[in-house]
Amino acid sequence: MVKAEITVPLLNANEPEARLVNIHVKDGQFVDKGALLFTLETTKAAADVESSENGYVRLLAHEGDILSVGDKLALITESAGEAFELSSRESGSTPKPELLPSDLRITKPARALAEKLGLDLSQLPLDRLVTEAVVRQVNNSSLTVVTSDEHYTPDHILIYGAGGHAKAVMEMVHAIGTFRIAGIIDDQVSTGLRVLDIPVLGPREIIPLLIDRGLQQAANGVGGIIDINVRVKLFELLANLGLTLPRLVHPRATVEPSASVGDGAQVFANAYIGSSAVLLPRCMINTNAVISHDCEIGSYTHIAPGALLAGHVHVGERSLVGMGVTTAIGIKIGNGVRIGNGAVIYADVPDKSIIHAGKVWAGKG
């Protein structure tokens, strides 16, 4: 008998997803009510999840999983070995063929996207395998009305993304004053919607059309906090299409003359970049972050708001240094690291390490 379902709580009203950073129990382990089971983390919050009942833990998720609010983390059962049923989502089973239109061949991700967009499956083509790209094309069949026949000049810049980070990027572009925003590309937002009065032109499939009309440069407006690989892939997509990714430095940021900022890097308002610091291409230095003298920040890495990096700190590629993190001088932080908000770093951090919010890191042992 299943006594309780342990689900992902809402940690942040603006973020429906969280990363499972730690599982504190083993599958089949007996726990008391109130026992610590999991640690979850978003960009702005971290929380421990406790058992709501006495019983045996039956794990349904894995460390590193990206989960949505309400997703099941575990079940609490009366015995360690009893059977229980999983929903199709939890078991990974494919949709029942009889629920699909006759002769429709569609991938699981494409069907999930079609359902999310509220798209009638009967509108999808039957002469090919339907992928996510095909779903987006059908959903945005009216995009040519928005793009019309406009021709773009070298100072136009395209924004990829329509969420919170994209808004911050658009505000920064306006403040810089040397670019004109051509519009927004977003795979999930309806064509024609306006964000900060900038129109959504359509999904990624129309970018070649915009390039044919003279578009030359773009900015990545996807933060990629939950999964940095999403941000990396979008940078690669834009670059592979031949678009230039200019560095964006807010006029209220301070960048010392001896510092260097790579292409595609984003430096937001009130950030400080110290003498001889190096920002490698496509990294992000967020609001009020301090990058002291002689630091180096790796490609695609995000230094979150209010982080304070002492001198000679080196951070590898694809890492996240959370809000309010502070470091000692000369620290080396590896590739693929995630450091939670408010952590204090006194020792080098190995590749792919996860340091929880508020923790003091002095190295192993």
Protein backbone atom coordinates (compact mmCIF):
# COMPACT_ATOMS: atom_id res chain seq x y z
CA MET A 1 0.00 0.00 0.00
CA VAL A 2 1.23 3.46 -0.94
CA LYS A 3 1.04 5.70 2.12
CA ALA A 4 2.28 8.97 0.57
CA GLU A 5 3.58 10.55 -2.60
CA ILE A 6 6.61 12.83 -2.28
CA THR A 7 6.47 15.53 -4.97
CA VAL A 8 8.48 18.55 -6.08
CA PRO A 9 7.26 21.65 -4.19
CA LEU A 10 7.13 25.17 -5.62
CA LEU A 11 10.37 26.80 -4.46
CA ASN A 12 10.19 29.94 -6.59
CA ALA A 13 7.04 31.42 -8.12
CA ASN A 14 8.97 32.37 -11.27
CA GLU A 15 10.59 28.97 -11.81
CA PRO A 16 8.44 25.88 -12.37
CA GLU A 17 11.48 23.58 -12.47
CA ALA A 18 14.16 22.51 -10.00
CA ARG A 19 17.25 20.33 -10.06
CA LEU A 20 17.47 17.33 -7.74
CA VAL A 21 20.93 17.91 -6.29
CA ASN A 22 21.00 15.30 -3.53
CA ILE A 23 19.22 12.09 -2.51
CA HIS A 24 19.79 11.38 1.17
CA VAL A 25 18.24 7.90 1.34
CA LYS A 26 18.44 4.59 -0.50
CA ASP A 27 15.65 2.87 -2.36
CA GLY A 28 13.76 0.58 0.01
CA GLN A 29 15.10 2.27 3.14
CA PHE A 30 12.74 2.69 6.11
CA VAL A 31 12.33 6.31 7.23
CA ASP A 32 10.43 8.09 9.95
CA LYS A 33 8.04 10.95 9.34
CA GLY A 34 10.09 14.14 8.98
CA ALA A 35 13.24 12.34 7.76
CA LEU A 36 15.36 14.23 5.21
CA LEU A 37 14.87 12.68 1.76
CA PHE A 38 15.96 15.12 -0.96
CA THR A 39 17.59 18.50 -1.63
CA LEU A 40 16.26 20.57 -4.54
CA GLU A 41 17.64 23.80 -5.97
CA THR A 42 16.51 26.54 -8.35
CA THR A 43 18.41 29.71 -9.27
CA LYS A 44 17.04 31.59 -6.27
CA ALA A 45 16.19 28.96 -3.68
CA ALA A 46 17.19 25.62 -2.24
CA ALA A 47 15.05 23.37 -0.07
CA ASP A 48 15.12 20.03 1.67
CA VAL A 49 12.20 17.66 1.17
CA GLU A 50 11.13 15.53 4.15
CA SER A 51 9.02 12.40 4.44
CA SER A 52 5.39 13.03 5.28
CA GLU A 53 4.88 9.49 6.66
CA ASN A 54 6.69 6.58 8.29
CA GLY A 55 7.46 3.86 5.75
CA TYR A 56 9.75 2.59 3.02
CA VAL A 57 11.11 4.95 0.38
CA ARG A 58 10.59 3.91 -3.25
CA LEU A 59 12.69 6.27 -5.38
CA LEU A 60 11.30 7.61 -8.68
CA ALA A 61 13.97 10.19 -9.55
CA HIS A 62 17.75 10.43 -9.83
CA GLU A 63 20.35 12.98 -8.75
CA GLY A 64 20.79 15.62 -11.44
CA ASP A 65 17.25 15.26 -12.80
CA ILE A 66 15.47 18.44 -13.89
CA LEU A 67 11.95 18.18 -12.50
CA SER A 68 8.77 20.22 -12.64
CA VAL A 69 6.60 21.26 -9.71
CA GLY A 70 4.35 18.33 -8.82
CA ASP A 71 6.59 15.64 -10.32
CA LYS A 72 6.92 12.59 -8.08
CA LEU A 73 10.25 12.13 -6.31
CA ALA A 74 9.32 9.00 -4.36
CA LEU A 75 6.55 6.96 -2.83
CA ILE A 76 6.32 5.95 0.83
CA THR A 77 5.00 2.38 1.07
CA GLU A 78 4.13 0.01 3.91
CA SER A 79 6.75 -2.58 2.87
CA ALA A 80 10.07 -2.46 1.04
CA GLY A 81 9.20 -4.85 -1.75
CA GLU A 82 5.56 -4.28 -2.56
CA ALA A 83 4.56 -3.54 -6.16
CA PHE A 84 3.13 -0.21 -7.21
CA GLU A 85 1.85 1.27 -10.46
CA LEU A 86 3.52 4.12 -12.32
CA SER A 87 1.82 6.58 -14.61
CA SER A 88 2.92 6.67 -18.24
CA ARG A 89 5.08 9.74 -17.54
CA GLU A 90 6.88 8.11 -14.63
CA SER A 91 7.41 4.79 -16.37
CA GLY A 92 8.53 6.36 -19.63
CA SER A 93 5.93 4.41 -21.61
CA THR A 94 5.00 5.60 -25.09
CA PRO A 95 1.56 6.98 -25.91
CA LYS A 96 -0.97 4.35 -26.92
CA PRO A 97 -1.05 4.07 -30.72
CA GLU A 98 -4.84 4.03 -30.81
CA LEU A 99 -4.91 7.59 -29.37
CA LEU A 100 -3.02 8.95 -32.39
CA PRO A 101 -4.53 9.82 -35.77
CA SER A 102 -4.25 7.00 -38.30
CA ASP A 103 -0.85 6.81 -40.05
CA LEU A 104 0.68 9.59 -37.92
CA ARG A 105 4.32 8.94 -37.04
CA ILE A 106 5.48 11.26 -34.26
CA THR A 107 8.34 11.26 -31.77
CA LYS A 108 7.63 11.37 -28.01
CA PRO A 109 9.19 14.86 -27.58
CA ALA A 110 7.20 16.13 -30.56
CA ARG A 111 3.93 14.83 -29.15
CA ALA A 112 4.69 16.37 -25.75
CA LEU A 113 5.36 19.72 -27.44
CA ALA A 114 2.16 19.48 -29.50
CA GLU A 115 0.14 18.84 -26.34
CA LYS A 116 1.84 21.74 -24.54
CA LEU A 117 0.98 24.08 -27.43
CA GLY A 118 -2.59 22.76 -27.59
CA LEU A 119 -2.08 21.70 -31.20
CA ASP A 120 -4.64 19.39 -32.81
CA LEU A 121 -2.71 16.26 -33.85
CA SER A 122 -4.87 15.94 -36.94
CA GLN A 123 -3.14 19.08 -38.29
CA LEU A 124 0.22 17.31 -38.43
CA PRO A 125 1.53 15.88 -41.71
CA LEU A 126 1.30 12.15 -42.41
CA ASP A 127 3.99 12.00 -45.11
CA ARG A 128 7.00 12.20 -42.76
CA LEU A 129 8.18 11.52 -39.23
CA VAL A 130 6.91 14.42 -37.14
CA THR A 131 9.65 15.95 -34.99
CA GLU A 132 9.61 18.97 -32.67
CA ALA A 133 10.70 21.17 -35.59
CA VAL A 134 7.68 20.05 -37.63
CA VAL A 135 5.34 20.76 -34.70
CA ARG A 136 6.75 24.28 -34.39
CA GLN A 137 6.36 24.90 -38.13
CA VAL A 138 2.70 23.86 -38.04
CA ASN A 139 2.02 25.89 -34.88
CA ASN A 140 3.61 28.99 -36.40
CA SER A 141 2.12 28.73 -39.88
CA SER A 142 1.18 32.43 -39.76
CA LEU A 143 4.69 33.68 -39.00
CA THR A 144 5.19 35.21 -42.48
CA VAL A 145 2.55 37.81 -41.56
CA VAL A 146 4.77 39.02 -38.73
CA THR A 147 8.09 38.94 -40.58
CA SER A 148 6.55 40.54 -43.72
CA ASP A 149 9.20 41.88 -46.12
CA GLU A 150 11.35 43.84 -43.67
CA HIS A 151 15.03 44.16 -44.59
CA TYR A 152 17.59 44.29 -41.79
CA THR A 153 20.66 46.49 -41.50
CA PRO A 154 24.00 45.66 -39.80
CA ASP A 155 22.93 47.32 -36.54
CA HIS A 156 19.89 45.06 -36.11
CA ILE A 157 20.16 42.32 -33.50
CA LEU A 158 17.89 39.32 -32.95
CA ILE A 159 16.98 38.20 -29.42
CA TYR A 160 16.60 34.46 -28.88
CA GLY A 161 14.12 33.85 -26.06
CA ALA A 162 11.10 35.61 -24.60
CA GLY A 163 11.47 34.86 -20.88
CA GLY A 164 12.89 36.74 -17.91
CA HIS A 165 16.52 36.65 -18.99
CA ALA A 166 15.55 37.77 -22.49
CA LYS A 167 13.81 40.80 -21.00
CA ALA A 168 17.00 41.72 -19.13
CA VAL A 169 19.01 41.34 -22.35
CA MET A 170 16.57 43.52 -24.28
CA GLU A 171 16.69 46.23 -21.62
CA MET A 172 20.50 46.11 -21.76
CA VAL A 173 20.51 46.35 -25.56
CA HIS A 174 18.29 49.43 -25.36
CA ALA A 175 20.60 50.97 -22.75
CA ILE A 176 23.69 50.34 -24.89
CA GLY A 177 22.03 52.26 -27.69
CA THR A 178 24.07 51.00 -30.66
CA PHE A 179 21.72 48.18 -31.70
CA ARG A 180 18.19 47.97 -33.04
CA ILE A 181 16.22 44.91 -31.95
CA ALA A 182 14.89 43.10 -35.01
CA GLY A 183 12.53 40.92 -32.97
CA ILE A 184 12.39 37.80 -30.84
CA ILE A 185 12.75 34.14 -31.74
CA ASP A 186 11.14 31.65 -29.35
CA ASP A 187 10.09 28.05 -29.96
CA GLN A 188 7.40 28.01 -27.27
CA VAL A 189 5.76 31.45 -27.49
CA SER A 190 3.05 32.31 -30.00
CA THR A 191 4.08 34.27 -33.07
CA GLY A 192 2.92 37.88 -32.88
CA LEU A 193 3.03 38.16 -29.10
CA ARG A 194 4.92 41.28 -27.96
CA VAL A 195 7.40 41.22 -25.07
CA LEU A 196 8.49 44.68 -23.87
CA ASP A 197 6.82 45.83 -27.11
CA ILE A 198 9.16 43.67 -29.23
CA PRO A 199 7.36 41.17 -31.50
CA VAL A 200 7.92 37.42 -31.42
CA LEU A 201 8.73 36.63 -35.06
CA GLY A 202 8.46 32.85 -34.81
CA PRO A 203 10.49 29.73 -33.97
CA ARG A 204 14.10 28.95 -34.85
CA GLU A 205 13.15 27.60 -38.29
CA ILE A 206 12.63 31.15 -39.64
CA ILE A 207 16.12 32.41 -38.76
CA PRO A 208 17.51 31.58 -42.26
CA LEU A 209 14.70 33.71 -43.72
CA LEU A 210 15.77 36.62 -41.51
CA ILE A 211 19.41 36.14 -42.53
CA ASP A 212 18.36 36.27 -46.18
CA ARG A 213 16.83 39.65 -45.38
CA GLY A 214 20.11 41.01 -44.03
CA LEU A 215 20.16 39.97 -40.35
CA GLN A 216 23.77 39.59 -39.17
CA GLN A 217 23.84 39.35 -35.37
CA ALA A 218 21.98 37.88 -32.42
CA ALA A 219 21.97 37.72 -28.62
CA ASN A 220 21.15 34.70 -26.48
CA GLY A 221 18.26 35.54 -24.17
CA VAL A 222 18.00 32.10 -22.57
CA GLY A 223 19.56 31.96 -19.11
CA GLY A 224 19.96 28.17 -18.91
CA ILE A 225 20.06 28.15 -15.12
CA ILE A 226 18.35 24.80 -14.73
CA ASP A 227 20.31 23.19 -17.57
CA ILE A 228 23.34 25.09 -18.92
CA ASN A 229 23.41 22.82 -21.97
CA VAL A 230 20.28 24.52 -23.30
CA ARG A 231 22.10 27.86 -23.36
CA VAL A 232 25.21 26.29 -24.91
CA LYS A 233 23.23 24.65 -27.71
CA LEU A 234 21.48 27.90 -28.56
CA PHE A 235 24.79 29.74 -28.81
CA GLU A 236 26.04 27.00 -31.13
CA LEU A 237 22.86 27.13 -33.20
CA LEU A 238 23.15 30.88 -33.76
CA ALA A 239 26.87 30.68 -34.55
CA ASN A 240 26.40 27.75 -36.95
CA LEU A 241 23.81 29.77 -38.85
CA GLY A 242 26.48 32.42 -39.41
CA LEU A 243 25.22 35.05 -37.00
CA THR A 244 27.67 37.22 -35.06
CA LEU A 245 27.33 37.15 -31.27
CA PRO A 246 28.50 40.58 -30.05
CA ARG A 247 29.67 41.24 -26.51
CA LEU A 248 27.03 43.12 -24.52
CA VAL A 249 28.21 45.36 -21.68
CA HIS A 250 25.66 47.48 -19.84
CA PRO A 251 26.68 51.16 -19.65
CA ARG A 252 26.28 51.01 -15.85
CA ALA A 253 28.78 48.14 -15.58
CA THR A 254 32.44 48.93 -14.85
CA VAL A 255 35.05 47.16 -16.96
CA GLU A 256 38.63 48.24 -16.29
CA PRO A 257 40.65 49.12 -19.44
CA SER A 258 43.06 46.21 -18.94
CA ALA A 259 40.24 43.63 -18.71
CA SER A 260 39.10 41.69 -21.78
CA VAL A 261 35.57 40.62 -22.68
CA GLY A 262 35.03 37.86 -25.23
CA ASP A 263 32.45 37.73 -28.02
CA GLY A 264 28.98 36.81 -26.88
CA ALA A 265 29.73 37.60 -23.23
CA GLN A 266 27.06 39.52 -21.30
CA VAL A 267 27.92 41.92 -18.47
CA PHE A 268 24.89 43.35 -16.71
CA ALA A 269 24.29 46.59 -14.82
CA ASN A 270 26.45 47.39 -11.77
CA ALA A 271 28.82 44.47 -12.35
CA TYR A 272 32.52 45.17 -11.81
CA ILE A 273 35.28 43.60 -13.94
CA GLY A 274 38.69 44.26 -12.41
CA SER A 275 42.14 44.90 -13.84
CA SER A 276 43.51 42.21 -16.19
CA ALA A 277 40.42 40.05 -15.69
CA VAL A 278 39.50 37.82 -18.64
CA LEU A 279 35.92 36.98 -19.60
CA LEU A 280 36.03 34.19 -22.16
CA PRO A 281 33.43 34.11 -24.95
CA ARG A 282 29.75 33.58 -24.12
CA CYS A 283 30.04 33.81 -20.34
CA MET A 284 27.60 35.88 -18.27
CA ILE A 285 28.35 38.28 -15.40
CA ASN A 286 25.09 39.24 -13.77
CA THR A 287 23.98 42.32 -11.85
CA ASN A 288 26.19 43.48 -8.95
CA ALA A 289 28.70 40.64 -9.39
CA VAL A 290 32.34 41.49 -8.68
CA ILE A 291 35.11 39.89 -10.74
CA SER A 292 38.30 41.10 -9.13
CA HIS A 293 41.71 41.65 -10.73
CA ASP A 294 43.35 38.81 -12.68
CA CYS A 295 40.30 36.54 -12.59
CA GLU A 296 39.37 34.35 -15.54
CA ILE A 297 35.78 33.26 -16.26
CA GLY A 298 35.30 30.32 -18.63
CA SER A 299 33.06 30.12 -21.67
CA TYR A 300 29.31 29.71 -21.00
CA THR A 301 29.81 30.15 -17.24
CA HIS A 302 27.27 32.23 -15.31
CA ILE A 303 28.32 34.39 -12.37
CA ALA A 304 24.99 35.16 -10.69
CA PRO A 305 23.89 38.47 -9.10
CA GLY A 306 25.90 39.63 -6.11
CA ALA A 307 28.67 37.01 -6.35
CA LEU A 308 32.05 38.28 -5.08
CA LEU A 309 35.15 36.70 -6.63
CA ALA A 310 38.47 37.69 -5.06
CA GLY A 311 41.59 38.25 -7.15
CA HIS A 312 43.18 35.51 -9.26
CA VAL A 313 40.08 33.28 -9.15
CA HIS A 314 39.74 31.02 -12.19
CA VAL A 315 36.34 29.52 -13.06
CA GLY A 316 36.08 26.82 -15.73
CA GLU A 317 33.55 26.36 -18.52
CA ARG A 318 29.80 25.77 -18.13
CA SER A 319 29.73 26.46 -14.41
CA LEU A 320 27.26 28.35 -12.22
CA VAL A 321 28.42 30.49 -9.33
CA GLY A 322 25.21 31.35 -7.46
CA MET A 323 23.92 34.59 -5.98
CA GLY A 324 25.94 36.01 -3.12
CA VAL A 325 28.74 33.43 -3.35
CA THR A 326 32.10 34.65 -2.03
CA THR A 327 35.55 33.18 -2.66
CA ALA A 328 39.02 33.43 -1.20
CA ILE A 329 41.84 34.74 -3.38
CA GLY A 330 43.39 32.43 -5.96
CA ILE A 331 40.65 29.76 -5.91
CA LYS A 332 40.25 27.47 -8.94
CA ILE A 333 36.70 26.36 -9.74
CA GLY A 334 36.43 23.56 -12.29
CA ASN A 335 34.29 22.88 -15.34
CA GLY A 336 30.59 22.06 -14.97
CA VAL A 337 30.44 23.13 -11.31
CA ARG A 338 27.25 24.34 -9.57
CA ILE A 339 27.70 26.48 -6.46
CA GLY A 340 24.50 27.29 -4.58
CA ASN A 341 23.48 30.75 -3.43
CA GLY A 342 25.41 32.21 -0.53
CA ALA A 343 28.13 29.54 -0.39
CA VAL A 344 31.62 30.52 0.83
CA ILE A 345 34.54 28.99 -1.09
CA TYR A 346 37.92 28.65 0.65
CA ALA A 347 39.46 25.83 -1.45
CA ASP A 348 39.64 24.68 -5.07
CA VAL A 349 36.47 23.05 -6.43
CA PRO A 350 36.86 19.97 -8.67
CA ASP A 351 35.07 19.56 -12.01
CA LYS A 352 31.33 18.79 -11.90
CA SER A 353 31.05 19.39 -8.15
CA ILE A 354 27.78 20.55 -6.59
CA ILE A 355 28.07 22.79 -3.52
CA HIS A 356 24.77 23.44 -1.80
CA ALA A 357 23.42 26.88 -0.99
CA GLY A 358 24.84 28.46 2.14
CA LYS A 359 27.59 25.88 2.59
CA VAL A 360 31.23 26.61 3.43
CA TRP A 361 33.61 24.75 1.10
CA ALA A 362 37.10 24.18 2.46
CA GLY A 363 37.96 21.15 0.31
CA LYS A 364 37.59 17.45 1.00
CA GLY A 365 38.86 16.28 4.33
